[in-house]
Structures are given as C-alpha cells and as structure tokens.
Amino acid sequence: MTASRTPTTAEELRGAGLRVTAARVALLETVRDGDHLGVEALASGVRDRVGHISLQAVYEALHALTAAGLVRRIEPAGSSARFEGRVGDNHHHIVCRSCGVVADVDCAVGEVPCLTASESHGFSIEEAEVIYWGLCPECSTTRSS
C-alpha cells in the first residue's frame, strides 16, 4: 500500500490546466500562507519570493487562479477584494467592523441550512456566502477601555 502524497503547487497548477510559472507558484503559495490578503499584500509577498512582478501580472494571475478554483476571492462590503486558499467547502467569514480583519467560519453544523434558500426562483443553488460582522477581540478590548 502506498501512502498518498500531497501534490506540489506546480502539479496543482498543471492539473488545473494552467501554465507553471515562478510567479504563479509564488502567488499561490503566498495566498495559502496569508490570511485573506489583498492584492497589494499579495504582490509584496510574491516580490519577496521571486523579485519584481507588476501589479497587473498579479491581478491576471489571481484571475486565472480564481477561475481554476485554486483560490477564492471574497469582497466584504466596503472592503477591497481579498483572496484565500481555502476552497472547495462552503465556509463563511466574519469581519471586524473596526480593523477589517477577516476570519473563517465553518458552515452551521447538522443539516446544511445555508444551502437551503427559502425561494430558489428556479436557480440551481451551488453555494451560499454569508458574512458575519462584529468586533474582533482586540478591537472589543480597545473600545471597552
């Protein structure tokens, strides 16, 4: 019996039908190492790994990675787009109204109520996106001080 191994980033890119480039590998790894990062932070992380890359190239690569399902784009109201490597599940997010930090929240346990809309209007529903809003522990402490 052979132990299963985790595919490399390059293998994942190839498996998604994408050309493997140093910039795409660095970007995918930066997304996965980060925590709901915006484009500027991702570009900085890629530059730390491979040197110069234009912001336009980062946008184009993010579009390709998102379309391939390797990266998920979220855009909480009033915030610029953020990207995460957690894909393929129906998790949600909680956003701090004060500092903007974003954290993952798993879907409600038990039945999957977040996929059962009160009215489908004939749509075939595949995903639900829920964003919870509040104050993170640090901002809550600061406000109560």
N, C-alpha and C. Protein backbone atom coordinates (compact mmCIF):
# COMPACT_ATOMS: atom_id res chain seq x y z
N MET A 1 0.85 -1.17 0.00
CA MET A 1 0.00 0.00 0.00
C MET A 1 0.90 1.23 0.00
N THR A 2 0.63 2.15 -0.90
CA THR A 2 1.43 3.36 -1.00
C THR A 2 0.73 4.50 -0.28
N ALA A 3 1.54 5.26 0.44
CA ALA A 3 0.98 6.42 1.12
C ALA A 3 0.66 7.49 0.08
N SER A 4 -0.48 8.15 0.25
CA SER A 4 -0.81 9.22 -0.69
C SER A 4 0.00 10.45 -0.33
N ARG A 5 0.39 11.20 -1.33
CA ARG A 5 1.17 12.39 -1.09
C ARG A 5 0.40 13.61 -1.56
N THR A 6 0.73 14.72 -1.00
CA THR A 6 0.10 15.96 -1.39
C THR A 6 0.76 16.46 -2.67
N PRO A 7 -0.06 16.85 -3.66
CA PRO A 7 0.55 17.33 -4.90
C PRO A 7 1.30 18.64 -4.67
N THR A 8 2.34 18.86 -5.44
CA THR A 8 3.10 20.10 -5.35
C THR A 8 2.26 21.23 -5.96
N THR A 9 2.66 22.45 -5.68
CA THR A 9 1.97 23.60 -6.24
C THR A 9 2.02 23.54 -7.76
N ALA A 10 3.16 23.18 -8.32
CA ALA A 10 3.30 23.07 -9.78
C ALA A 10 2.34 22.02 -10.33
N GLU A 11 2.21 20.88 -9.66
CA GLU A 11 1.29 19.84 -10.11
C GLU A 11 -0.16 20.32 -10.05
N GLU A 12 -0.48 21.08 -9.01
CA GLU A 12 -1.84 21.63 -8.91
C GLU A 12 -2.13 22.58 -10.06
N LEU A 13 -1.17 23.43 -10.38
CA LEU A 13 -1.35 24.36 -11.50
C LEU A 13 -1.55 23.59 -12.80
N ARG A 14 -0.70 22.60 -13.05
CA ARG A 14 -0.83 21.79 -14.27
C ARG A 14 -2.18 21.08 -14.29
N GLY A 15 -2.57 20.53 -13.14
CA GLY A 15 -3.85 19.82 -13.05
C GLY A 15 -5.05 20.72 -13.32
N ALA A 16 -4.89 22.01 -13.06
CA ALA A 16 -5.96 22.97 -13.33
C ALA A 16 -5.87 23.53 -14.74
N GLY A 17 -4.91 23.02 -15.52
CA GLY A 17 -4.76 23.48 -16.90
C GLY A 17 -4.03 24.80 -17.03
N LEU A 18 -3.28 25.18 -16.00
CA LEU A 18 -2.54 26.44 -16.04
C LEU A 18 -1.06 26.20 -16.28
N ARG A 19 -0.44 27.13 -16.99
CA ARG A 19 1.00 27.08 -17.20
C ARG A 19 1.69 27.33 -15.87
N VAL A 20 2.75 26.61 -15.61
CA VAL A 20 3.51 26.77 -14.37
C VAL A 20 4.57 27.84 -14.58
N THR A 21 4.46 28.91 -13.79
CA THR A 21 5.48 29.96 -13.81
C THR A 21 5.91 30.21 -12.38
N ALA A 22 7.10 30.76 -12.21
CA ALA A 22 7.58 31.07 -10.87
C ALA A 22 6.63 32.04 -10.17
N ALA A 23 6.09 33.00 -10.91
CA ALA A 23 5.18 33.98 -10.32
C ALA A 23 3.88 33.32 -9.84
N ARG A 24 3.32 32.41 -10.64
CA ARG A 24 2.08 31.73 -10.24
C ARG A 24 2.31 30.84 -9.02
N VAL A 25 3.42 30.12 -9.01
CA VAL A 25 3.74 29.28 -7.85
C VAL A 25 3.88 30.15 -6.61
N ALA A 26 4.64 31.25 -6.73
CA ALA A 26 4.84 32.15 -5.59
C ALA A 26 3.53 32.77 -5.13
N LEU A 27 2.67 33.14 -6.08
CA LEU A 27 1.40 33.76 -5.73
C LEU A 27 0.49 32.77 -5.01
N LEU A 28 0.37 31.56 -5.53
CA LEU A 28 -0.47 30.56 -4.89
C LEU A 28 0.03 30.24 -3.49
N GLU A 29 1.34 30.12 -3.33
CA GLU A 29 1.91 29.87 -2.00
C GLU A 29 1.70 31.06 -1.07
N THR A 30 1.79 32.28 -1.59
CA THR A 30 1.57 33.47 -0.77
C THR A 30 0.12 33.55 -0.31
N VAL A 31 -0.81 33.25 -1.21
CA VAL A 31 -2.23 33.23 -0.83
C VAL A 31 -2.45 32.22 0.28
N ARG A 32 -1.91 31.03 0.12
CA ARG A 32 -2.12 29.97 1.11
C ARG A 32 -1.42 30.25 2.44
N ASP A 33 -0.29 30.94 2.40
CA ASP A 33 0.42 31.28 3.64
C ASP A 33 -0.20 32.48 4.34
N GLY A 34 -0.94 33.29 3.59
CA GLY A 34 -1.51 34.53 4.11
C GLY A 34 -2.84 34.30 4.81
N ASP A 35 -3.46 35.39 5.14
CA ASP A 35 -4.73 35.33 5.86
C ASP A 35 -5.69 36.34 5.26
N HIS A 36 -6.36 35.95 4.16
CA HIS A 36 -7.31 36.82 3.49
C HIS A 36 -6.64 38.13 3.06
N LEU A 37 -5.56 38.01 2.31
CA LEU A 37 -4.77 39.16 1.91
C LEU A 37 -5.35 39.87 0.68
N GLY A 38 -5.12 41.17 0.62
CA GLY A 38 -5.49 41.96 -0.55
C GLY A 38 -4.39 41.89 -1.60
N VAL A 39 -4.65 42.48 -2.75
CA VAL A 39 -3.73 42.40 -3.88
C VAL A 39 -2.37 43.01 -3.57
N GLU A 40 -2.34 44.16 -2.92
CA GLU A 40 -1.05 44.81 -2.61
C GLU A 40 -0.19 43.92 -1.71
N ALA A 41 -0.79 43.34 -0.67
CA ALA A 41 -0.05 42.46 0.23
C ALA A 41 0.43 41.21 -0.50
N LEU A 42 -0.41 40.68 -1.39
CA LEU A 42 -0.01 39.50 -2.16
C LEU A 42 1.15 39.83 -3.10
N ALA A 43 1.07 40.98 -3.75
CA ALA A 43 2.15 41.39 -4.65
C ALA A 43 3.46 41.52 -3.88
N SER A 44 3.40 42.10 -2.70
CA SER A 44 4.59 42.24 -1.86
C SER A 44 5.15 40.87 -1.49
N GLY A 45 4.28 39.94 -1.13
CA GLY A 45 4.72 38.58 -0.79
C GLY A 45 5.35 37.87 -1.96
N VAL A 46 4.80 38.06 -3.15
CA VAL A 46 5.37 37.44 -4.35
C VAL A 46 6.73 38.05 -4.66
N ARG A 47 6.83 39.37 -4.52
CA ARG A 47 8.12 40.04 -4.76
C ARG A 47 9.19 39.54 -3.79
N ASP A 48 8.80 39.28 -2.55
CA ASP A 48 9.75 38.74 -1.57
C ASP A 48 10.27 37.37 -2.00
N ARG A 49 9.45 36.63 -2.73
CA ARG A 49 9.82 35.27 -3.13
C ARG A 49 10.57 35.21 -4.46
N VAL A 50 10.14 36.03 -5.44
CA VAL A 50 10.71 35.88 -6.78
C VAL A 50 11.26 37.17 -7.39
N GLY A 51 11.21 38.25 -6.67
CA GLY A 51 11.69 39.50 -7.25
C GLY A 51 10.55 40.30 -7.86
N HIS A 52 10.87 41.12 -8.83
CA HIS A 52 9.89 42.05 -9.39
C HIS A 52 8.73 41.33 -10.09
N ILE A 53 7.54 41.83 -9.85
CA ILE A 53 6.34 41.43 -10.58
C ILE A 53 5.41 42.64 -10.59
N SER A 54 4.80 42.90 -11.72
CA SER A 54 3.91 44.06 -11.80
C SER A 54 2.58 43.74 -11.12
N LEU A 55 1.91 44.79 -10.68
CA LEU A 55 0.61 44.63 -10.06
C LEU A 55 -0.37 44.04 -11.08
N GLN A 56 -0.25 44.44 -12.33
CA GLN A 56 -1.12 43.91 -13.39
C GLN A 56 -0.93 42.39 -13.53
N ALA A 57 0.31 41.93 -13.46
CA ALA A 57 0.58 40.49 -13.55
C ALA A 57 -0.03 39.75 -12.37
N VAL A 58 -0.01 40.36 -11.19
CA VAL A 58 -0.63 39.75 -10.01
C VAL A 58 -2.14 39.64 -10.22
N TYR A 59 -2.77 40.72 -10.71
CA TYR A 59 -4.21 40.68 -10.99
C TYR A 59 -4.55 39.59 -11.99
N GLU A 60 -3.78 39.50 -13.07
CA GLU A 60 -4.04 38.49 -14.10
C GLU A 60 -3.88 37.08 -13.55
N ALA A 61 -2.84 36.86 -12.76
CA ALA A 61 -2.61 35.53 -12.18
C ALA A 61 -3.71 35.19 -11.17
N LEU A 62 -4.14 36.17 -10.36
CA LEU A 62 -5.24 35.93 -9.41
C LEU A 62 -6.52 35.56 -10.14
N HIS A 63 -6.78 36.23 -11.26
CA HIS A 63 -7.97 35.91 -12.05
C HIS A 63 -7.90 34.46 -12.54
N ALA A 64 -6.74 34.07 -13.06
CA ALA A 64 -6.57 32.70 -13.57
C ALA A 64 -6.70 31.67 -12.44
N LEU A 65 -6.07 31.94 -11.30
CA LEU A 65 -6.13 31.01 -10.16
C LEU A 65 -7.55 30.90 -9.61
N THR A 66 -8.26 32.01 -9.59
CA THR A 66 -9.65 32.00 -9.10
C THR A 66 -10.54 31.23 -10.08
N ALA A 67 -10.40 31.51 -11.37
CA ALA A 67 -11.20 30.81 -12.38
C ALA A 67 -10.93 29.31 -12.37
N ALA A 68 -9.71 28.91 -12.03
CA ALA A 68 -9.34 27.49 -11.97
C ALA A 68 -9.79 26.83 -10.67
N GLY A 69 -10.30 27.63 -9.72
CA GLY A 69 -10.77 27.07 -8.45
C GLY A 69 -9.67 26.80 -7.44
N LEU A 70 -8.47 27.34 -7.67
CA LEU A 70 -7.37 27.14 -6.72
C LEU A 70 -7.34 28.20 -5.64
N VAL A 71 -8.02 29.32 -5.89
CA VAL A 71 -8.06 30.45 -4.98
C VAL A 71 -9.50 30.95 -4.92
N ARG A 72 -9.90 31.44 -3.78
CA ARG A 72 -11.23 32.02 -3.62
C ARG A 72 -11.11 33.51 -3.37
N ARG A 73 -11.94 34.29 -4.05
CA ARG A 73 -11.98 35.74 -3.90
C ARG A 73 -13.19 36.09 -3.03
N ILE A 74 -12.96 36.90 -2.02
CA ILE A 74 -14.08 37.42 -1.22
C ILE A 74 -13.99 38.94 -1.25
N GLU A 75 -15.13 39.57 -1.13
CA GLU A 75 -15.16 41.03 -1.17
C GLU A 75 -16.21 41.54 -0.19
N PRO A 76 -15.85 41.59 1.10
CA PRO A 76 -16.81 42.11 2.08
C PRO A 76 -17.18 43.56 1.75
N ALA A 77 -18.41 43.93 2.01
CA ALA A 77 -18.89 45.29 1.73
C ALA A 77 -17.93 46.32 2.31
N GLY A 78 -17.60 47.32 1.50
CA GLY A 78 -16.73 48.39 1.96
C GLY A 78 -15.26 48.02 2.00
N SER A 79 -14.91 46.85 1.48
CA SER A 79 -13.52 46.39 1.53
C SER A 79 -13.08 46.02 0.12
N SER A 80 -11.80 46.11 -0.12
CA SER A 80 -11.28 45.64 -1.41
C SER A 80 -11.26 44.11 -1.40
N ALA A 81 -11.07 43.55 -2.58
CA ALA A 81 -11.05 42.09 -2.70
C ALA A 81 -9.93 41.49 -1.87
N ARG A 82 -10.23 40.35 -1.28
CA ARG A 82 -9.25 39.56 -0.53
C ARG A 82 -9.25 38.16 -1.12
N PHE A 83 -8.15 37.46 -0.92
CA PHE A 83 -8.01 36.13 -1.52
C PHE A 83 -7.57 35.12 -0.47
N GLU A 84 -8.07 33.90 -0.65
CA GLU A 84 -7.73 32.82 0.29
C GLU A 84 -7.55 31.52 -0.46
N GLY A 85 -6.80 30.63 0.16
CA GLY A 85 -6.53 29.33 -0.43
C GLY A 85 -7.50 28.25 0.00
N ARG A 86 -8.40 28.56 0.93
CA ARG A 86 -9.38 27.57 1.38
C ARG A 86 -10.52 27.54 0.37
N VAL A 87 -10.54 26.51 -0.44
CA VAL A 87 -11.56 26.37 -1.48
C VAL A 87 -12.23 25.01 -1.37
N GLY A 88 -13.35 24.87 -2.03
CA GLY A 88 -13.99 23.56 -2.11
C GLY A 88 -14.90 23.22 -0.95
N ASP A 89 -15.09 24.13 -0.04
CA ASP A 89 -16.05 23.90 1.03
C ASP A 89 -16.96 25.12 1.11
N ASN A 90 -17.99 25.02 1.89
CA ASN A 90 -18.94 26.13 1.99
C ASN A 90 -18.75 26.86 3.30
N HIS A 91 -17.55 27.40 3.51
CA HIS A 91 -17.32 28.15 4.74
C HIS A 91 -17.66 29.63 4.52
N HIS A 92 -17.78 30.34 5.60
CA HIS A 92 -18.16 31.75 5.55
C HIS A 92 -17.07 32.58 6.23
N HIS A 93 -17.37 33.85 6.46
CA HIS A 93 -16.37 34.76 7.04
C HIS A 93 -16.99 35.67 8.08
N ILE A 94 -16.15 36.09 9.01
CA ILE A 94 -16.52 37.10 9.98
C ILE A 94 -15.53 38.24 9.83
N VAL A 95 -16.05 39.48 9.80
CA VAL A 95 -15.22 40.65 9.52
C VAL A 95 -15.36 41.64 10.68
N CYS A 96 -14.23 42.16 11.14
CA CYS A 96 -14.24 43.18 12.19
C CYS A 96 -14.62 44.52 11.56
N ARG A 97 -15.64 45.15 12.10
CA ARG A 97 -16.08 46.45 11.60
C ARG A 97 -15.06 47.55 11.86
N SER A 98 -14.17 47.34 12.82
CA SER A 98 -13.22 48.38 13.18
C SER A 98 -11.91 48.26 12.40
N CYS A 99 -11.23 47.12 12.47
CA CYS A 99 -9.92 46.99 11.84
C CYS A 99 -9.95 46.24 10.51
N GLY A 100 -11.05 45.56 10.20
CA GLY A 100 -11.19 44.87 8.93
C GLY A 100 -10.61 43.47 8.87
N VAL A 101 -10.11 42.96 9.99
CA VAL A 101 -9.56 41.60 9.99
C VAL A 101 -10.68 40.62 9.60
N VAL A 102 -10.31 39.57 8.86
CA VAL A 102 -11.26 38.57 8.38
C VAL A 102 -10.86 37.20 8.92
N ALA A 103 -11.83 36.43 9.37
CA ALA A 103 -11.57 35.07 9.85
C ALA A 103 -12.58 34.12 9.21
N ASP A 104 -12.18 32.87 9.05
CA ASP A 104 -13.08 31.85 8.51
C ASP A 104 -14.05 31.39 9.58
N VAL A 105 -15.26 31.05 9.13
CA VAL A 105 -16.29 30.48 10.00
C VAL A 105 -16.89 29.30 9.23
N ASP A 106 -16.86 28.12 9.84
CA ASP A 106 -17.44 26.96 9.18
C ASP A 106 -18.95 27.11 9.10
N CYS A 107 -19.55 26.45 8.11
CA CYS A 107 -20.99 26.46 7.93
C CYS A 107 -21.65 25.83 9.15
N ALA A 108 -22.89 26.19 9.38
CA ALA A 108 -23.62 25.64 10.52
C ALA A 108 -23.58 24.11 10.48
N VAL A 109 -23.47 23.50 11.64
CA VAL A 109 -23.38 22.04 11.71
C VAL A 109 -24.76 21.41 11.56
N GLY A 110 -24.76 20.12 11.31
CA GLY A 110 -26.03 19.42 11.12
C GLY A 110 -26.41 19.48 9.66
N GLU A 111 -27.69 19.71 9.39
CA GLU A 111 -28.12 19.89 8.01
C GLU A 111 -27.41 21.10 7.43
N VAL A 112 -27.48 21.27 6.15
CA VAL A 112 -26.80 22.38 5.52
C VAL A 112 -27.83 23.49 5.25
N PRO A 113 -28.24 24.19 6.30
CA PRO A 113 -29.29 25.19 6.12
C PRO A 113 -28.87 26.36 5.24
N CYS A 114 -27.58 26.63 5.17
CA CYS A 114 -27.14 27.77 4.38
C CYS A 114 -27.24 27.49 2.89
N LEU A 115 -27.52 26.27 2.50
CA LEU A 115 -27.73 25.98 1.09
C LEU A 115 -29.20 25.79 0.75
N THR A 116 -30.07 25.93 1.73
CA THR A 116 -31.49 25.78 1.50
C THR A 116 -32.13 27.16 1.55
N ALA A 117 -32.31 27.76 0.38
CA ALA A 117 -32.91 29.09 0.30
C ALA A 117 -34.42 28.97 0.47
N SER A 118 -35.04 30.00 1.01
CA SER A 118 -36.50 29.98 1.18
C SER A 118 -37.20 29.97 -0.17
N GLU A 119 -36.56 30.52 -1.20
CA GLU A 119 -37.09 30.52 -2.57
C GLU A 119 -35.92 30.46 -3.53
N SER A 120 -35.92 29.50 -4.42
CA SER A 120 -34.80 29.35 -5.35
C SER A 120 -34.99 30.12 -6.65
N HIS A 121 -36.22 30.55 -6.94
CA HIS A 121 -36.53 31.26 -8.17
C HIS A 121 -36.06 30.49 -9.40
N GLY A 122 -36.03 29.16 -9.30
CA GLY A 122 -35.64 28.31 -10.42
C GLY A 122 -34.14 28.12 -10.58
N PHE A 123 -33.36 28.76 -9.71
CA PHE A 123 -31.90 28.60 -9.79
C PHE A 123 -31.50 27.25 -9.24
N SER A 124 -30.39 26.72 -9.74
CA SER A 124 -29.76 25.55 -9.15
C SER A 124 -28.68 26.09 -8.22
N ILE A 125 -28.94 26.11 -6.93
CA ILE A 125 -28.05 26.75 -5.96
C ILE A 125 -26.85 25.85 -5.68
N GLU A 126 -25.66 26.43 -5.80
CA GLU A 126 -24.42 25.68 -5.61
C GLU A 126 -23.64 26.13 -4.39
N GLU A 127 -23.82 27.37 -3.96
CA GLU A 127 -23.00 27.91 -2.88
C GLU A 127 -23.76 29.05 -2.21
N ALA A 128 -23.49 29.23 -0.94
CA ALA A 128 -24.04 30.36 -0.20
C ALA A 128 -22.88 31.14 0.39
N GLU A 129 -23.01 32.45 0.42
CA GLU A 129 -21.96 33.28 1.01
C GLU A 129 -22.57 34.10 2.13
N VAL A 130 -22.06 33.86 3.32
CA VAL A 130 -22.55 34.57 4.49
C VAL A 130 -21.37 35.32 5.09
N ILE A 131 -21.59 36.58 5.44
CA ILE A 131 -20.55 37.35 6.11
C ILE A 131 -21.13 37.85 7.43
N TYR A 132 -20.49 37.48 8.50
CA TYR A 132 -20.86 37.96 9.82
C TYR A 132 -20.02 39.21 10.11
N TRP A 133 -20.60 40.18 10.77
CA TRP A 133 -19.90 41.42 11.10
C TRP A 133 -19.89 41.61 12.60
N GLY A 134 -18.82 42.15 13.13
CA GLY A 134 -18.72 42.41 14.56
C GLY A 134 -17.38 43.04 14.87
N LEU A 135 -16.94 42.90 16.09
CA LEU A 135 -15.63 43.41 16.50
C LEU A 135 -14.75 42.25 16.91
N CYS A 136 -13.50 42.27 16.44
CA CYS A 136 -12.56 41.23 16.82
C CYS A 136 -12.21 41.42 18.30
N PRO A 137 -11.62 40.42 18.95
CA PRO A 137 -11.30 40.55 20.37
C PRO A 137 -10.45 41.78 20.70
N GLU A 138 -9.47 42.08 19.84
CA GLU A 138 -8.57 43.22 20.11
C GLU A 138 -9.35 44.54 20.05
N CYS A 139 -10.19 44.70 19.05
CA CYS A 139 -10.97 45.95 18.92
C CYS A 139 -12.04 46.05 20.01
N SER A 140 -12.61 44.91 20.42
CA SER A 140 -13.58 44.92 21.51
C SER A 140 -12.93 45.40 22.80
N THR A 141 -11.72 44.92 23.06
CA THR A 141 -10.99 45.33 24.27
C THR A 141 -10.65 46.81 24.21
N THR A 142 -10.22 47.27 23.06
CA THR A 142 -9.87 48.69 22.90
C THR A 142 -11.08 49.58 23.11
N ARG A 143 -12.23 49.19 22.60
CA ARG A 143 -13.44 50.00 22.76
C ARG A 143 -13.92 50.06 24.20
N SER A 144 -13.76 48.95 24.93
CA SER A 144 -14.25 48.93 26.31
C SER A 144 -13.29 49.60 27.30
N SER A 145 -12.08 49.91 26.83
CA SER A 145 -11.09 50.55 27.70
C SER A 145 -11.37 52.02 27.89
